[in-house]
Amino acid sequence: MVLRDLLLGFIRIHILYHAQKEPIYGLDFLQELSRHGYQISPGTLYPIFHNLEAKGYLVAEKQLVAGKIRKYYRTTPKGVQALREAYDKAGELWAEIQDLDLNDRS
């Protein structure tokens, strides 16, 4: 459960990053996550989108594509600020753990 929670945090950061570069939508984004080694279902991804939207980190825009309504998500200014903070924290963490010897069990 702890590993899953950590990975979901990374997924949220991926979402904010990619949605800041260009609008993203669910099924396409599942493929993007797959490229990075994450295997999650739409039933996991869509609640993350909705939660990030409810908290003001993403904004959704509906578009008609091939006769179907598709929600595209973009990062809001609040989401960009959260992404900056995550970037800073990730840099601090990397500086601390880059010399970690995972084989040392002392």
N, C-alpha and C. Protein backbone atom coordinates (compact mmCIF):
# COMPACT_ATOMS: atom_id res chain seq x y z
N MET A 1 0.82 -1.20 0.00
CA MET A 1 0.00 0.00 0.00
C MET A 1 0.87 1.26 0.00
N VAL A 2 1.97 1.27 0.73
CA VAL A 2 2.84 2.43 0.78
C VAL A 2 3.45 2.69 -0.60
N LEU A 3 3.92 1.64 -1.27
CA LEU A 3 4.49 1.80 -2.61
C LEU A 3 3.45 2.37 -3.56
N ARG A 4 2.23 1.88 -3.50
CA ARG A 4 1.16 2.38 -4.37
C ARG A 4 0.93 3.87 -4.12
N ASP A 5 0.90 4.28 -2.86
CA ASP A 5 0.71 5.70 -2.53
C ASP A 5 1.85 6.55 -3.08
N LEU A 6 3.08 6.06 -2.97
CA LEU A 6 4.23 6.80 -3.51
C LEU A 6 4.12 6.94 -5.02
N LEU A 7 3.78 5.86 -5.69
CA LEU A 7 3.66 5.89 -7.14
C LEU A 7 2.53 6.81 -7.59
N LEU A 8 1.44 6.83 -6.85
CA LEU A 8 0.35 7.74 -7.20
C LEU A 8 0.78 9.20 -7.07
N GLY A 9 1.67 9.49 -6.15
CA GLY A 9 2.23 10.84 -6.04
C GLY A 9 3.04 11.19 -7.28
N PHE A 10 3.85 10.24 -7.76
CA PHE A 10 4.62 10.47 -8.99
C PHE A 10 3.68 10.67 -10.18
N ILE A 11 2.61 9.91 -10.22
CA ILE A 11 1.64 10.03 -11.32
C ILE A 11 1.01 11.42 -11.30
N ARG A 12 0.68 11.93 -10.13
CA ARG A 12 0.12 13.28 -10.04
C ARG A 12 1.09 14.31 -10.60
N ILE A 13 2.36 14.15 -10.29
CA ILE A 13 3.38 15.07 -10.81
C ILE A 13 3.47 14.95 -12.34
N HIS A 14 3.44 13.72 -12.86
CA HIS A 14 3.42 13.53 -14.32
C HIS A 14 2.24 14.25 -14.94
N ILE A 15 1.08 14.11 -14.33
CA ILE A 15 -0.12 14.76 -14.86
C ILE A 15 0.07 16.27 -14.92
N LEU A 16 0.51 16.87 -13.81
CA LEU A 16 0.71 18.32 -13.79
C LEU A 16 1.73 18.75 -14.83
N TYR A 17 2.80 17.99 -14.96
CA TYR A 17 3.84 18.32 -15.93
C TYR A 17 3.30 18.29 -17.36
N HIS A 18 2.69 17.18 -17.73
CA HIS A 18 2.23 17.03 -19.11
C HIS A 18 1.06 17.98 -19.43
N ALA A 19 0.19 18.21 -18.46
CA ALA A 19 -0.94 19.10 -18.68
C ALA A 19 -0.49 20.56 -18.74
N GLN A 20 0.69 20.83 -18.25
CA GLN A 20 1.26 22.18 -18.35
C GLN A 20 1.83 22.40 -19.75
N LYS A 21 2.36 21.33 -20.35
CA LYS A 21 2.93 21.42 -21.69
C LYS A 21 1.84 21.52 -22.76
N GLU A 22 0.78 20.71 -22.61
CA GLU A 22 -0.32 20.70 -23.56
C GLU A 22 -1.52 20.03 -22.91
N PRO A 23 -2.73 20.32 -23.40
CA PRO A 23 -3.91 19.65 -22.83
C PRO A 23 -3.81 18.13 -22.99
N ILE A 24 -4.25 17.42 -21.96
CA ILE A 24 -4.19 15.95 -21.97
C ILE A 24 -5.58 15.38 -21.71
N TYR A 25 -5.79 14.14 -22.15
CA TYR A 25 -7.04 13.45 -21.85
C TYR A 25 -6.71 12.03 -21.40
N GLY A 26 -7.67 11.42 -20.75
CA GLY A 26 -7.48 10.16 -20.04
C GLY A 26 -6.83 9.02 -20.79
N LEU A 27 -7.47 8.51 -21.82
CA LEU A 27 -6.95 7.31 -22.47
C LEU A 27 -5.58 7.54 -23.09
N ASP A 28 -5.38 8.70 -23.68
CA ASP A 28 -4.07 9.02 -24.23
C ASP A 28 -3.03 9.09 -23.12
N PHE A 29 -3.44 9.64 -21.98
CA PHE A 29 -2.49 9.77 -20.89
C PHE A 29 -2.15 8.42 -20.26
N LEU A 30 -3.05 7.48 -20.29
CA LEU A 30 -2.73 6.12 -19.83
C LEU A 30 -1.57 5.55 -20.63
N GLN A 31 -1.55 5.82 -21.94
CA GLN A 31 -0.45 5.36 -22.78
C GLN A 31 0.85 6.06 -22.40
N GLU A 32 0.77 7.34 -22.11
CA GLU A 32 1.97 8.09 -21.68
C GLU A 32 2.51 7.51 -20.38
N LEU A 33 1.65 7.24 -19.43
CA LEU A 33 2.10 6.64 -18.17
C LEU A 33 2.72 5.26 -18.41
N SER A 34 2.14 4.51 -19.31
CA SER A 34 2.66 3.19 -19.65
C SER A 34 4.09 3.29 -20.18
N ARG A 35 4.36 4.33 -20.97
CA ARG A 35 5.73 4.54 -21.48
C ARG A 35 6.73 4.71 -20.34
N HIS A 36 6.24 5.22 -19.21
CA HIS A 36 7.10 5.43 -18.04
C HIS A 36 7.07 4.25 -17.07
N GLY A 37 6.38 3.18 -17.45
CA GLY A 37 6.37 1.98 -16.62
C GLY A 37 5.22 1.89 -15.63
N TYR A 38 4.30 2.83 -15.65
CA TYR A 38 3.15 2.78 -14.76
C TYR A 38 2.02 2.02 -15.44
N GLN A 39 1.43 1.10 -14.74
CA GLN A 39 0.29 0.35 -15.26
C GLN A 39 -0.89 0.60 -14.33
N ILE A 40 -1.74 1.55 -14.71
CA ILE A 40 -2.92 1.83 -13.90
C ILE A 40 -4.15 1.78 -14.81
N SER A 41 -5.29 1.63 -14.19
CA SER A 41 -6.54 1.51 -14.94
C SER A 41 -7.21 2.88 -15.06
N PRO A 42 -8.13 3.01 -16.00
CA PRO A 42 -8.92 4.24 -16.06
C PRO A 42 -9.65 4.52 -14.74
N GLY A 43 -10.04 3.46 -14.04
CA GLY A 43 -10.71 3.60 -12.76
C GLY A 43 -9.84 4.19 -11.68
N THR A 44 -8.53 4.17 -11.88
CA THR A 44 -7.59 4.83 -10.97
C THR A 44 -7.26 6.23 -11.47
N LEU A 45 -7.06 6.36 -12.78
CA LEU A 45 -6.63 7.64 -13.35
C LEU A 45 -7.71 8.73 -13.26
N TYR A 46 -8.93 8.39 -13.66
CA TYR A 46 -9.96 9.43 -13.72
C TYR A 46 -10.25 10.07 -12.36
N PRO A 47 -10.31 9.31 -11.26
CA PRO A 47 -10.46 9.97 -9.96
C PRO A 47 -9.30 10.90 -9.61
N ILE A 48 -8.09 10.58 -10.08
CA ILE A 48 -6.95 11.48 -9.85
C ILE A 48 -7.18 12.79 -10.60
N PHE A 49 -7.58 12.69 -11.88
CA PHE A 49 -7.91 13.90 -12.64
C PHE A 49 -8.97 14.72 -11.92
N HIS A 50 -10.04 14.06 -11.51
CA HIS A 50 -11.15 14.78 -10.88
C HIS A 50 -10.73 15.43 -9.57
N ASN A 51 -9.91 14.74 -8.80
CA ASN A 51 -9.43 15.29 -7.53
C ASN A 51 -8.53 16.50 -7.77
N LEU A 52 -7.62 16.40 -8.74
CA LEU A 52 -6.74 17.53 -9.05
C LEU A 52 -7.56 18.72 -9.57
N GLU A 53 -8.60 18.43 -10.31
CA GLU A 53 -9.48 19.50 -10.79
C GLU A 53 -10.24 20.13 -9.62
N ALA A 54 -10.79 19.31 -8.74
CA ALA A 54 -11.55 19.82 -7.59
C ALA A 54 -10.70 20.68 -6.68
N LYS A 55 -9.40 20.37 -6.60
CA LYS A 55 -8.49 21.14 -5.74
C LYS A 55 -7.90 22.35 -6.45
N GLY A 56 -8.26 22.53 -7.72
CA GLY A 56 -7.81 23.72 -8.44
C GLY A 56 -6.47 23.60 -9.14
N TYR A 57 -5.93 22.38 -9.25
CA TYR A 57 -4.64 22.18 -9.92
C TYR A 57 -4.79 21.97 -11.42
N LEU A 58 -5.96 21.52 -11.84
CA LEU A 58 -6.28 21.30 -13.25
C LEU A 58 -7.60 21.98 -13.57
N VAL A 59 -7.76 22.30 -14.84
CA VAL A 59 -9.05 22.76 -15.34
C VAL A 59 -9.38 21.90 -16.55
N ALA A 60 -10.65 21.53 -16.67
CA ALA A 60 -11.08 20.65 -17.77
C ALA A 60 -11.85 21.47 -18.81
N GLU A 61 -11.66 21.06 -20.05
CA GLU A 61 -12.41 21.66 -21.16
C GLU A 61 -12.96 20.51 -21.99
N LYS A 62 -14.25 20.53 -22.23
CA LYS A 62 -14.88 19.48 -23.03
C LYS A 62 -14.79 19.84 -24.51
N GLN A 63 -14.44 18.83 -25.32
CA GLN A 63 -14.37 19.01 -26.77
C GLN A 63 -15.05 17.83 -27.44
N LEU A 64 -15.70 18.11 -28.54
CA LEU A 64 -16.33 17.06 -29.34
C LEU A 64 -15.27 16.49 -30.28
N VAL A 65 -14.98 15.18 -30.14
CA VAL A 65 -13.99 14.51 -30.97
C VAL A 65 -14.61 13.23 -31.51
N ALA A 66 -14.69 13.13 -32.82
CA ALA A 66 -15.25 11.94 -33.48
C ALA A 66 -16.63 11.57 -32.91
N GLY A 67 -17.44 12.60 -32.68
CA GLY A 67 -18.80 12.37 -32.21
C GLY A 67 -18.93 12.10 -30.72
N LYS A 68 -17.83 12.17 -29.98
CA LYS A 68 -17.87 11.92 -28.53
C LYS A 68 -17.29 13.13 -27.80
N ILE A 69 -17.81 13.34 -26.61
CA ILE A 69 -17.28 14.41 -25.76
C ILE A 69 -16.03 13.89 -25.05
N ARG A 70 -14.95 14.64 -25.16
CA ARG A 70 -13.70 14.28 -24.50
C ARG A 70 -13.28 15.44 -23.60
N LYS A 71 -12.85 15.12 -22.37
CA LYS A 71 -12.38 16.13 -21.44
C LYS A 71 -10.86 16.27 -21.58
N TYR A 72 -10.42 17.46 -21.89
CA TYR A 72 -9.00 17.77 -21.92
C TYR A 72 -8.66 18.57 -20.67
N TYR A 73 -7.55 18.22 -20.04
CA TYR A 73 -7.13 18.86 -18.81
C TYR A 73 -5.88 19.70 -19.05
N ARG A 74 -5.87 20.88 -18.42
CA ARG A 74 -4.70 21.76 -18.44
C ARG A 74 -4.36 22.13 -17.01
N THR A 75 -3.10 22.38 -16.77
CA THR A 75 -2.64 22.79 -15.45
C THR A 75 -3.00 24.26 -15.24
N THR A 76 -3.53 24.56 -14.07
CA THR A 76 -3.86 25.94 -13.69
C THR A 76 -2.61 26.61 -13.12
N PRO A 77 -2.66 27.92 -12.89
CA PRO A 77 -1.53 28.58 -12.21
C PRO A 77 -1.22 27.93 -10.85
N LYS A 78 -2.24 27.52 -10.12
CA LYS A 78 -2.02 26.83 -8.85
C LYS A 78 -1.30 25.50 -9.08
N GLY A 79 -1.65 24.80 -10.16
CA GLY A 79 -0.99 23.55 -10.50
C GLY A 79 0.46 23.75 -10.90
N VAL A 80 0.73 24.84 -11.63
CA VAL A 80 2.11 25.16 -12.02
C VAL A 80 2.94 25.44 -10.77
N GLN A 81 2.37 26.17 -9.82
CA GLN A 81 3.09 26.44 -8.57
C GLN A 81 3.37 25.14 -7.81
N ALA A 82 2.39 24.24 -7.77
CA ALA A 82 2.60 22.95 -7.10
C ALA A 82 3.69 22.16 -7.81
N LEU A 83 3.71 22.24 -9.14
CA LEU A 83 4.74 21.53 -9.91
C LEU A 83 6.12 22.11 -9.61
N ARG A 84 6.22 23.41 -9.50
CA ARG A 84 7.51 24.04 -9.13
C ARG A 84 7.98 23.55 -7.76
N GLU A 85 7.05 23.51 -6.81
CA GLU A 85 7.40 23.06 -5.46
C GLU A 85 7.82 21.59 -5.47
N ALA A 86 7.11 20.77 -6.25
CA ALA A 86 7.48 19.35 -6.36
C ALA A 86 8.87 19.21 -6.98
N TYR A 87 9.16 20.04 -7.97
CA TYR A 87 10.48 20.03 -8.62
C TYR A 87 11.57 20.34 -7.60
N ASP A 88 11.36 21.38 -6.81
CA ASP A 88 12.34 21.75 -5.78
C ASP A 88 12.52 20.63 -4.76
N LYS A 89 11.42 20.05 -4.30
CA LYS A 89 11.50 18.97 -3.31
C LYS A 89 12.17 17.73 -3.90
N ALA A 90 11.87 17.43 -5.16
CA ALA A 90 12.51 16.27 -5.81
C ALA A 90 14.01 16.49 -5.93
N GLY A 91 14.41 17.72 -6.24
CA GLY A 91 15.84 18.03 -6.32
C GLY A 91 16.53 17.86 -4.98
N GLU A 92 15.88 18.32 -3.92
CA GLU A 92 16.44 18.16 -2.57
C GLU A 92 16.57 16.68 -2.22
N LEU A 93 15.53 15.92 -2.52
CA LEU A 93 15.54 14.49 -2.22
C LEU A 93 16.64 13.79 -3.01
N TRP A 94 16.73 14.09 -4.31
CA TRP A 94 17.76 13.46 -5.15
C TRP A 94 19.16 13.76 -4.60
N ALA A 95 19.40 14.99 -4.16
CA ALA A 95 20.69 15.35 -3.60
C ALA A 95 21.01 14.51 -2.36
N GLU A 96 19.99 14.17 -1.60
CA GLU A 96 20.21 13.37 -0.40
C GLU A 96 20.39 11.89 -0.69
N ILE A 97 19.66 11.35 -1.64
CA ILE A 97 19.67 9.89 -1.82
C ILE A 97 20.56 9.38 -2.95
N GLN A 98 21.17 10.27 -3.73
CA GLN A 98 21.93 9.80 -4.88
C GLN A 98 23.12 8.93 -4.50
N ASP A 99 23.63 9.09 -3.31
CA ASP A 99 24.76 8.24 -2.88
C ASP A 99 24.31 7.07 -2.02
N LEU A 100 23.01 6.86 -1.92
CA LEU A 100 22.47 5.78 -1.10
C LEU A 100 22.87 4.43 -1.66
N ASP A 101 23.39 3.59 -0.80
CA ASP A 101 23.73 2.22 -1.19
C ASP A 101 22.59 1.32 -0.74
N LEU A 102 21.76 0.93 -1.67
CA LEU A 102 20.59 0.12 -1.33
C LEU A 102 20.97 -1.31 -0.96
N ASN A 103 22.20 -1.70 -1.20
CA ASN A 103 22.65 -3.04 -0.82
C ASN A 103 23.21 -3.07 0.59
N ASP A 104 23.46 -1.90 1.18
CA ASP A 104 23.99 -1.81 2.53
C ASP A 104 22.83 -1.97 3.51
N ARG A 105 22.85 -3.02 4.28
CA ARG A 105 21.75 -3.30 5.23
C ARG A 105 22.19 -3.11 6.68
N SER A 106 23.20 -2.29 6.90
CA SER A 106 23.67 -2.08 8.27
C SER A 106 22.79 -1.15 9.05
